[in-house]
């Protein structure tokens, strides 16, 4: 499963943008965007660092706040390893 984290544009170049989310910065490609973007816009980023969608600031802030609550939920395990299949021996 892939979870897209809204990222805010902090710097623009011709075909790339520097974005920030939760204090982390990264460079993303804008070649898949079908609309113009500017500094301050929020983007959804796909695997491979491609921006694919510009989203309204209200929706971005709502998603970021919700994701922050998931990170602070004490009932969620910090790390979950998938169970290994049990080996069956036949005689």
C-alpha atoms as a PDB file:
ATOM      1  CA  UNK A   1       0.000   0.000   0.000  1.00  0.00           C
ATOM      2  CA  UNK A   2       1.214   3.482  -0.814  1.00  0.00           C
ATOM      3  CA  UNK A   3       0.357   6.508   1.273  1.00  0.00           C
ATOM      4  CA  UNK A   4       0.717   9.897  -0.412  1.00  0.00           C
ATOM      5  CA  UNK A   5       1.863  12.593   1.996  1.00  0.00           C
ATOM      6  CA  UNK A   6       1.012  16.160   0.950  1.00  0.00           C
ATOM      7  CA  UNK A   7       4.235  18.109   0.442  1.00  0.00           C
ATOM      8  CA  UNK A   8       4.553  21.889   0.233  1.00  0.00           C
ATOM      9  CA  UNK A   9       6.621  23.487  -2.540  1.00  0.00           C
ATOM     10  CA  UNK A  10       9.407  25.596  -1.042  1.00  0.00           C
ATOM     11  CA  UNK A  11      11.459  26.150  -4.220  1.00  0.00           C
ATOM     12  CA  UNK A  12      10.798  25.799  -7.944  1.00  0.00           C
ATOM     13  CA  UNK A  13      13.122  25.027 -10.832  1.00  0.00           C
ATOM     14  CA  UNK A  14      12.225  24.425 -14.467  1.00  0.00           C
ATOM     15  CA  UNK A  15      11.140  20.767 -14.179  1.00  0.00           C
ATOM     16  CA  UNK A  16      11.601  20.068 -10.471  1.00  0.00           C
ATOM     17  CA  UNK A  17      10.500  21.396  -7.113  1.00  0.00           C
ATOM     18  CA  UNK A  18      11.957  21.208  -3.636  1.00  0.00           C
ATOM     19  CA  UNK A  19       9.154  20.175  -1.276  1.00  0.00           C
ATOM     20  CA  UNK A  20       8.772  19.827   2.489  1.00  0.00           C
ATOM     21  CA  UNK A  21       6.649  17.525   4.631  1.00  0.00           C
ATOM     22  CA  UNK A  22       7.114  16.958   8.378  1.00  0.00           C
ATOM     23  CA  UNK A  23      10.432  18.833   8.280  1.00  0.00           C
ATOM     24  CA  UNK A  24      11.883  16.601   5.547  1.00  0.00           C
ATOM     25  CA  UNK A  25      12.914  18.169   2.223  1.00  0.00           C
ATOM     26  CA  UNK A  26      13.307  16.424  -1.115  1.00  0.00           C
ATOM     27  CA  UNK A  27      13.556  17.161  -4.813  1.00  0.00           C
ATOM     28  CA  UNK A  28      10.634  15.975  -6.957  1.00  0.00           C
ATOM     29  CA  UNK A  29       9.962  15.898 -10.679  1.00  0.00           C
ATOM     30  CA  UNK A  30       7.126  18.007 -12.098  1.00  0.00           C
ATOM     31  CA  UNK A  31       7.033  16.374 -15.549  1.00  0.00           C
ATOM     32  CA  UNK A  32       3.766  14.524 -14.806  1.00  0.00           C
ATOM     33  CA  UNK A  33       1.893  17.628 -13.614  1.00  0.00           C
ATOM     34  CA  UNK A  34      -0.915  18.782 -15.900  1.00  0.00           C
ATOM     35  CA  UNK A  35      -1.319  22.222 -14.313  1.00  0.00           C
ATOM     36  CA  UNK A  36       1.028  25.035 -13.296  1.00  0.00           C
ATOM     37  CA  UNK A  37       2.326  25.124  -9.724  1.00  0.00           C
ATOM     38  CA  UNK A  38       3.981  27.779  -7.588  1.00  0.00           C
ATOM     39  CA  UNK A  39       5.835  28.080  -4.294  1.00  0.00           C
ATOM     40  CA  UNK A  40       3.403  27.400  -1.440  1.00  0.00           C
ATOM     41  CA  UNK A  41       1.271  24.882  -3.366  1.00  0.00           C
ATOM     42  CA  UNK A  42       0.779  21.381  -1.945  1.00  0.00           C
ATOM     43  CA  UNK A  43       1.485  18.327  -4.078  1.00  0.00           C
ATOM     44  CA  UNK A  44       0.961  14.592  -3.774  1.00  0.00           C
ATOM     45  CA  UNK A  45       4.146  12.720  -4.576  1.00  0.00           C
ATOM     46  CA  UNK A  46       4.296   9.188  -6.007  1.00  0.00           C
ATOM     47  CA  UNK A  47       7.039   6.617  -5.554  1.00  0.00           C
ATOM     48  CA  UNK A  48      10.045   7.694  -7.564  1.00  0.00           C
ATOM     49  CA  UNK A  49       9.641  11.335  -6.490  1.00  0.00           C
ATOM     50  CA  UNK A  50       7.118  12.350  -9.149  1.00  0.00           C
ATOM     51  CA  UNK A  51       4.545  15.022  -8.301  1.00  0.00           C
ATOM     52  CA  UNK A  52       1.195  13.834  -9.657  1.00  0.00           C
ATOM     53  CA  UNK A  53      -1.466  16.114  -8.213  1.00  0.00           C
ATOM     54  CA  UNK A  54      -1.848  19.615  -6.829  1.00  0.00           C
ATOM     55  CA  UNK A  55      -4.219  19.648  -3.858  1.00  0.00           C
ATOM     56  CA  UNK A  56      -6.054  22.459  -2.049  1.00  0.00           C
ATOM     57  CA  UNK A  57      -4.244  23.717   1.077  1.00  0.00           C
ATOM     58  CA  UNK A  58      -7.226  22.853   3.309  1.00  0.00           C
ATOM     59  CA  UNK A  59      -7.182  19.230   2.153  1.00  0.00           C
ATOM     60  CA  UNK A  60      -3.398  19.050   2.585  1.00  0.00           C
ATOM     61  CA  UNK A  61      -3.489  20.426   6.134  1.00  0.00           C
ATOM     62  CA  UNK A  62      -6.350  18.092   7.069  1.00  0.00           C
ATOM     63  CA  UNK A  63      -4.431  15.065   5.744  1.00  0.00           C
ATOM     64  CA  UNK A  64      -1.198  16.098   7.490  1.00  0.00           C
ATOM     65  CA  UNK A  65      -3.009  16.570  10.813  1.00  0.00           C
ATOM     66  CA  UNK A  66      -4.705  13.182  10.465  1.00  0.00           C
ATOM     67  CA  UNK A  67      -1.409  11.454   9.637  1.00  0.00           C
ATOM     68  CA  UNK A  68       0.187  13.072  12.682  1.00  0.00           C
ATOM     69  CA  UNK A  69      -2.530  11.564  14.914  1.00  0.00           C
ATOM     70  CA  UNK A  70      -1.852   8.121  13.440  1.00  0.00           C
ATOM     71  CA  UNK A  71       1.789   8.464  14.398  1.00  0.00           C
ATOM     72  CA  UNK A  72       0.809   9.321  17.993  1.00  0.00           C
ATOM     73  CA  UNK A  73      -1.788   6.533  18.441  1.00  0.00           C
ATOM     74  CA  UNK A  74      -0.551   4.414  21.349  1.00  0.00           C
ATOM     75  CA  UNK A  75      -2.611   1.411  20.253  1.00  0.00           C
ATOM     76  CA  UNK A  76      -0.780   1.058  16.946  1.00  0.00           C
ATOM     77  CA  UNK A  77       2.301  -1.150  17.052  1.00  0.00           C
ATOM     78  CA  UNK A  78       5.524   0.735  16.382  1.00  0.00           C
ATOM     79  CA  UNK A  79       6.621  -1.920  13.897  1.00  0.00           C
ATOM     80  CA  UNK A  80       4.779  -4.968  12.651  1.00  0.00           C
ATOM     81  CA  UNK A  81       6.535  -7.854  10.960  1.00  0.00           C
ATOM     82  CA  UNK A  82       4.317 -10.036   8.764  1.00  0.00           C
ATOM     83  CA  UNK A  83       3.918 -13.549  10.079  1.00  0.00           C
ATOM     84  CA  UNK A  84       6.021 -16.154   8.336  1.00  0.00           C
ATOM     85  CA  UNK A  85       4.117 -19.076   6.847  1.00  0.00           C
ATOM     86  CA  UNK A  86       4.294 -22.198   8.991  1.00  0.00           C
ATOM     87  CA  UNK A  87       6.162 -25.076   7.497  1.00  0.00           C
ATOM     88  CA  UNK A  88       4.152 -28.290   7.296  1.00  0.00           C
ATOM     89  CA  UNK A  89       5.980 -31.592   7.343  1.00  0.00           C
ATOM     90  CA  UNK A  90       4.223 -34.668   6.012  1.00  0.00           C
ATOM     91  CA  UNK A  91       5.266 -38.234   6.679  1.00  0.00           C
END
